[in-house]
N, C-alpha and C. Protein backbone atom coordinates (compact mmCIF):
# COMPACT_ATOMS: atom_id res chain seq x y z
N MET A 1 17.36 11.49 -36.03
CA MET A 1 17.56 12.21 -34.72
C MET A 1 16.11 12.41 -34.11
N THR A 2 15.18 12.82 -34.93
CA THR A 2 13.61 12.91 -34.19
C THR A 2 13.23 11.70 -33.90
N ASP A 3 13.25 10.50 -34.63
CA ASP A 3 12.90 9.13 -34.09
C ASP A 3 13.60 8.98 -32.70
N PHE A 4 14.78 9.10 -32.53
CA PHE A 4 15.49 8.88 -31.04
C PHE A 4 14.77 9.79 -30.02
N LYS A 5 14.58 10.95 -30.59
CA LYS A 5 14.08 12.15 -29.35
C LYS A 5 12.48 11.35 -29.12
N ASP A 6 11.78 11.24 -30.05
CA ASP A 6 10.44 10.59 -29.83
C ASP A 6 10.68 9.45 -28.99
N ARG A 7 11.26 8.58 -29.23
CA ARG A 7 11.39 7.16 -28.60
C ARG A 7 11.92 7.64 -26.96
N GLU A 8 12.69 8.63 -26.93
CA GLU A 8 13.32 8.84 -25.42
C GLU A 8 12.04 9.45 -24.73
N ARG A 9 11.11 10.11 -25.56
CA ARG A 9 10.01 10.93 -24.75
C ARG A 9 8.94 9.87 -24.64
N GLY A 10 8.91 8.84 -25.24
CA GLY A 10 7.91 7.98 -25.15
C GLY A 10 8.33 7.04 -23.94
N GLU A 11 9.43 6.59 -23.58
CA GLU A 11 10.16 5.89 -22.53
C GLU A 11 9.86 6.56 -21.24
N GLU A 12 10.19 7.99 -21.36
CA GLU A 12 10.10 8.88 -20.22
C GLU A 12 8.72 9.02 -19.64
N ALA A 13 7.67 8.94 -20.65
CA ALA A 13 6.44 8.94 -20.33
C ALA A 13 6.02 7.76 -19.73
N LYS A 14 6.43 6.66 -20.42
CA LYS A 14 6.25 5.31 -19.83
C LYS A 14 6.55 5.01 -18.44
N TYR A 15 7.62 5.34 -18.05
CA TYR A 15 8.55 5.28 -16.80
C TYR A 15 7.69 6.16 -15.88
N ALA A 16 7.30 7.36 -16.21
CA ALA A 16 6.42 8.25 -15.14
C ALA A 16 5.17 7.47 -15.03
N MET A 17 4.37 6.98 -15.93
CA MET A 17 3.22 6.16 -15.92
C MET A 17 3.17 5.16 -14.79
N ASP A 18 4.27 4.42 -14.88
CA ASP A 18 4.65 3.23 -14.33
C ASP A 18 4.71 3.40 -12.83
N GLU A 19 5.72 4.77 -12.51
CA GLU A 19 5.71 5.05 -11.30
C GLU A 19 4.66 5.51 -10.65
N GLU A 20 3.74 6.20 -11.34
CA GLU A 20 2.49 6.63 -10.84
C GLU A 20 1.40 5.55 -10.39
N THR A 21 1.56 4.42 -11.62
CA THR A 21 0.83 3.48 -11.07
C THR A 21 1.22 2.69 -9.88
N ALA A 22 2.40 2.68 -9.61
CA ALA A 22 3.12 1.82 -8.57
C ALA A 22 2.81 2.63 -7.20
N PHE A 23 2.80 3.91 -7.28
CA PHE A 23 2.51 4.52 -6.12
C PHE A 23 1.00 4.57 -5.88
N ARG A 24 -0.05 4.45 -6.76
CA ARG A 24 -1.08 4.40 -6.62
C ARG A 24 -1.68 3.12 -6.02
N VAL A 25 -1.05 2.01 -6.35
CA VAL A 25 -1.25 0.75 -6.13
C VAL A 25 -0.73 0.45 -4.71
N ALA A 26 0.34 0.96 -4.23
CA ALA A 26 0.73 1.18 -2.97
C ALA A 26 -0.23 1.74 -1.91
N ALA A 27 -0.64 2.90 -2.22
CA ALA A 27 -1.41 3.51 -1.20
C ALA A 27 -2.69 2.92 -1.09
N ARG A 28 -3.26 2.42 -2.26
CA ARG A 28 -4.53 1.28 -2.10
C ARG A 28 -4.16 0.34 -1.25
N ARG A 29 -3.10 -0.56 -1.65
CA ARG A 29 -2.72 -1.63 -0.73
C ARG A 29 -2.70 -1.20 0.71
N ASN A 30 -2.08 0.03 1.11
CA ASN A 30 -1.88 0.24 2.61
C ASN A 30 -3.27 0.67 3.02
N ARG A 31 -4.16 1.33 2.32
CA ARG A 31 -5.52 1.43 2.85
C ARG A 31 -6.00 0.07 3.27
N LEU A 32 -5.98 -0.86 2.31
CA LEU A 32 -6.74 -2.06 2.45
C LEU A 32 -6.09 -2.79 3.76
N LEU A 33 -4.74 -2.64 3.76
CA LEU A 33 -4.10 -3.29 4.92
C LEU A 33 -4.65 -2.59 6.19
N GLY A 34 -4.65 -1.31 6.37
CA GLY A 34 -5.24 -0.51 7.30
C GLY A 34 -6.62 -1.04 7.85
N GLU A 35 -7.38 -1.13 6.70
CA GLU A 35 -8.69 -1.76 7.07
C GLU A 35 -8.76 -3.05 7.67
N TRP A 36 -7.91 -4.08 7.05
CA TRP A 36 -7.67 -5.26 7.80
C TRP A 36 -7.38 -5.36 9.07
N ALA A 37 -6.29 -4.40 9.59
CA ALA A 37 -5.90 -4.36 10.72
C ALA A 37 -6.72 -3.74 11.67
N ALA A 38 -7.36 -2.73 11.30
CA ALA A 38 -8.58 -1.94 12.17
C ALA A 38 -9.69 -3.01 12.43
N GLY A 39 -9.95 -3.80 11.75
CA GLY A 39 -10.77 -4.77 11.90
C GLY A 39 -10.48 -5.75 12.97
N LEU A 40 -9.20 -6.30 12.95
CA LEU A 40 -8.65 -7.11 13.89
C LEU A 40 -8.83 -6.32 15.35
N MET A 41 -8.46 -5.00 15.13
CA MET A 41 -8.21 -4.31 16.43
C MET A 41 -9.78 -3.84 17.07
N ASP A 42 -10.73 -4.12 16.47
CA ASP A 42 -12.10 -3.95 16.67
C ASP A 42 -12.35 -2.16 16.72
N LEU A 43 -11.95 -1.51 15.86
CA LEU A 43 -11.76 0.00 16.01
C LEU A 43 -13.15 0.37 15.34
N THR A 44 -13.60 1.64 15.65
CA THR A 44 -14.97 2.09 15.33
C THR A 44 -14.60 2.48 13.62
N PRO A 45 -15.75 2.79 12.85
CA PRO A 45 -15.63 3.23 11.68
C PRO A 45 -14.82 4.70 11.48
N GLU A 46 -14.76 5.52 12.60
CA GLU A 46 -14.09 6.65 12.58
C GLU A 46 -12.57 6.55 12.77
N GLU A 47 -12.42 5.62 13.81
CA GLU A 47 -10.91 5.01 13.85
C GLU A 47 -10.45 4.42 12.82
N THR A 48 -11.26 3.56 12.20
CA THR A 48 -10.73 2.82 11.02
C THR A 48 -10.25 3.91 9.78
N GLU A 49 -11.21 4.73 9.73
CA GLU A 49 -10.73 5.73 8.69
C GLU A 49 -9.44 6.47 9.06
N ALA A 50 -9.21 6.96 10.13
CA ALA A 50 -8.01 7.61 10.46
C ALA A 50 -6.74 6.80 10.68
N TYR A 51 -7.07 5.27 10.83
CA TYR A 51 -5.98 4.41 10.80
C TYR A 51 -5.55 4.06 9.66
N LYS A 52 -6.43 3.90 8.59
CA LYS A 52 -6.09 3.66 7.21
C LYS A 52 -4.96 4.96 6.67
N LYS A 53 -5.41 5.95 7.20
CA LYS A 53 -4.68 7.17 6.92
C LYS A 53 -3.17 7.03 7.40
N ALA A 54 -3.25 6.42 8.54
CA ALA A 54 -1.97 6.45 9.21
C ALA A 54 -0.92 5.30 8.60
N VAL A 55 -1.79 4.48 8.26
CA VAL A 55 -0.97 3.32 7.67
C VAL A 55 -0.27 3.88 6.02
N VAL A 56 -1.05 4.70 5.23
CA VAL A 56 -0.55 5.16 4.13
C VAL A 56 0.64 5.99 4.49
N GLN A 57 0.64 6.88 5.47
CA GLN A 57 1.71 7.79 5.85
C GLN A 57 2.59 7.10 6.14
N ALA A 58 2.53 5.96 6.93
CA ALA A 58 3.81 5.32 7.46
C ALA A 58 4.57 4.83 6.14
N ASP A 59 4.14 4.64 4.94
CA ASP A 59 4.76 4.27 3.96
C ASP A 59 5.97 5.27 3.64
N PHE A 60 5.63 6.34 3.85
CA PHE A 60 6.64 7.29 3.42
C PHE A 60 7.91 7.41 4.35
N GLU A 61 8.06 6.76 5.38
CA GLU A 61 9.11 6.94 6.27
C GLU A 61 10.36 6.43 5.59
N GLU A 62 10.38 5.16 4.93
CA GLU A 62 11.44 4.81 4.12
C GLU A 62 11.07 4.06 3.00
N ALA A 63 11.98 3.92 2.16
CA ALA A 63 11.68 2.89 0.84
C ALA A 63 11.27 1.54 1.07
N GLY A 64 10.56 0.92 0.41
CA GLY A 64 10.26 -0.61 0.59
C GLY A 64 8.95 -0.72 1.56
N ASP A 65 8.81 -1.82 2.07
CA ASP A 65 7.59 -2.24 2.69
C ASP A 65 7.71 -2.31 4.02
N GLU A 66 8.93 -2.13 4.69
CA GLU A 66 9.32 -2.46 5.94
C GLU A 66 8.86 -1.62 7.01
N ASP A 67 8.57 -0.16 6.60
CA ASP A 67 7.87 0.54 7.59
C ASP A 67 6.56 0.28 7.66
N VAL A 68 5.91 -0.08 7.05
CA VAL A 68 4.22 -0.41 7.00
C VAL A 68 4.12 -1.60 7.68
N ILE A 69 4.99 -2.66 7.37
CA ILE A 69 5.01 -3.98 7.97
C ILE A 69 5.23 -3.83 9.86
N ARG A 70 6.36 -2.92 9.83
CA ARG A 70 6.55 -2.39 11.22
C ARG A 70 5.41 -1.85 12.05
N LYS A 71 4.64 -0.89 11.26
CA LYS A 71 3.76 -0.05 11.97
C LYS A 71 2.67 -1.15 12.18
N LEU A 72 2.14 -1.97 11.34
CA LEU A 72 0.98 -2.80 11.48
C LEU A 72 1.29 -4.03 12.86
N LEU A 73 2.76 -4.44 12.75
CA LEU A 73 2.94 -5.30 13.51
C LEU A 73 2.99 -4.73 15.15
N GLY A 74 3.59 -3.34 15.42
CA GLY A 74 3.48 -2.85 16.34
C GLY A 74 2.10 -2.52 16.92
N ASP A 75 1.27 -2.20 16.13
CA ASP A 75 -0.02 -1.65 16.56
C ASP A 75 -0.91 -2.89 17.00
N LEU A 76 -0.65 -4.18 16.03
CA LEU A 76 -1.37 -5.15 16.41
C LEU A 76 -1.17 -5.94 17.66
N THR A 77 0.36 -5.85 17.97
CA THR A 77 0.93 -6.56 19.06
C THR A 77 0.28 -5.74 20.25
N GLN A 78 0.43 -4.21 20.06
CA GLN A 78 -0.07 -3.45 21.32
C GLN A 78 -1.57 -3.82 21.54
N ALA A 79 -2.23 -4.01 20.63
CA ALA A 79 -3.80 -4.52 20.59
C ALA A 79 -4.05 -5.78 21.24
N GLU A 80 -2.89 -6.50 21.25
CA GLU A 80 -2.85 -7.69 21.86
C GLU A 80 -3.91 -8.79 20.78
N CYS A 81 -3.49 -8.65 19.51
CA CYS A 81 -4.03 -9.37 18.36
C CYS A 81 -2.95 -10.48 18.19
N ASP A 82 -3.71 -11.80 17.92
CA ASP A 82 -2.62 -12.79 17.66
C ASP A 82 -2.23 -12.91 16.21
N VAL A 83 -1.41 -12.14 15.79
CA VAL A 83 -0.95 -11.90 14.70
C VAL A 83 0.48 -11.85 14.47
N ASP A 84 1.15 -12.65 13.60
CA ASP A 84 2.46 -12.35 13.55
C ASP A 84 3.30 -12.11 12.18
N GLU A 85 4.47 -11.88 12.03
CA GLU A 85 5.08 -10.96 10.84
C GLU A 85 4.57 -11.92 9.56
N ALA A 86 4.84 -13.15 9.48
CA ALA A 86 4.62 -13.87 8.35
C ALA A 86 2.94 -13.88 7.79
N GLN A 87 1.94 -13.55 8.88
CA GLN A 87 0.65 -13.26 8.41
C GLN A 87 0.59 -11.71 7.78
N VAL A 88 1.42 -10.91 8.50
CA VAL A 88 1.29 -9.61 7.95
C VAL A 88 1.82 -9.44 6.50
N ARG A 89 2.90 -9.91 6.29
CA ARG A 89 3.54 -10.06 4.94
C ARG A 89 2.65 -10.79 4.09
N ALA A 90 2.00 -11.75 4.40
CA ALA A 90 1.03 -12.58 3.55
C ALA A 90 0.17 -11.76 3.09
N LYS A 91 -0.64 -11.02 4.24
CA LYS A 91 -1.86 -9.95 3.80
C LYS A 91 -1.26 -8.93 2.98
N LEU A 92 0.08 -8.61 3.20
CA LEU A 92 0.43 -7.35 2.48
C LEU A 92 0.41 -7.63 0.85
N ALA A 93 0.95 -9.11 0.54
CA ALA A 93 1.03 -9.51 -0.58
C ALA A 93 -0.36 -9.83 -1.21
N GLU A 94 -1.42 -10.18 -0.25
CA GLU A 94 -2.86 -10.42 -1.06
C GLU A 94 -3.51 -9.03 -1.19
N MET A 95 -3.23 -7.94 -0.56
CA MET A 95 -3.59 -6.76 -0.56
C MET A 95 -3.33 -5.97 -1.73
N ASN A 96 -1.80 -6.43 -2.03
CA ASN A 96 -1.21 -5.84 -3.17
C ASN A 96 -1.79 -6.28 -4.65
N ILE A 97 -2.20 -7.56 -4.57
CA ILE A 97 -3.05 -8.27 -5.91
C ILE A 97 -4.44 -7.80 -5.72
N GLU A 98 -5.09 -7.37 -4.55
CA GLU A 98 -6.40 -6.81 -4.65
C GLU A 98 -6.33 -5.59 -5.15
N ALA A 99 -5.32 -4.60 -4.66
CA ALA A 99 -5.20 -3.15 -5.04
C ALA A 99 -4.87 -3.10 -6.47
N ARG A 100 -4.34 -3.87 -7.06
CA ARG A 100 -3.87 -3.73 -8.66
C ARG A 100 -5.18 -4.15 -9.39
N ARG A 101 -5.99 -5.23 -8.63
CA ARG A 101 -7.38 -5.45 -9.47
C ARG A 101 -8.21 -4.37 -9.51
N GLN A 102 -8.48 -3.77 -8.25
CA GLN A 102 -9.17 -2.52 -8.14
C GLN A 102 -8.98 -1.53 -8.91
N LEU A 103 -7.49 -0.99 -8.96
CA LEU A 103 -7.31 0.05 -10.08
C LEU A 103 -7.61 -0.42 -11.42
N MET A 104 -7.11 -1.57 -11.89
CA MET A 104 -7.49 -2.25 -13.33
C MET A 104 -8.90 -1.97 -13.56
N SER A 105 -9.82 -2.31 -12.79
CA SER A 105 -11.25 -2.17 -12.96
C SER A 105 -11.71 -0.89 -12.88
N ASP A 106 -11.12 0.01 -12.17
CA ASP A 106 -11.68 1.31 -12.08
C ASP A 106 -11.11 2.18 -13.27
N SER A 107 -10.06 1.77 -13.89
CA SER A 107 -9.84 2.49 -15.38
C SER A 107 -10.46 2.10 -16.73
């Protein structure tokens, strides 16, 4: 019985760690996306910092990535940047890989 409880606790700990890692990757990815979009919109360094935080906050609106994509597309369209949804999705995938790479090198 102890082996089962130990295994159960181990699985719970692994799940919690995986969830925390996924959250950290998504937050880092969103900051990187915000920085990319801010560059396209020619924002100042101060505006860029605020915008990166706004992109991270946008991810809390609903589950999944659609809220972030919607924010970026809306802001880029309003700033008259020539970017479409496919480009934003491609950049999201690219930044997800970069965020994972950065987090792995940090630890």
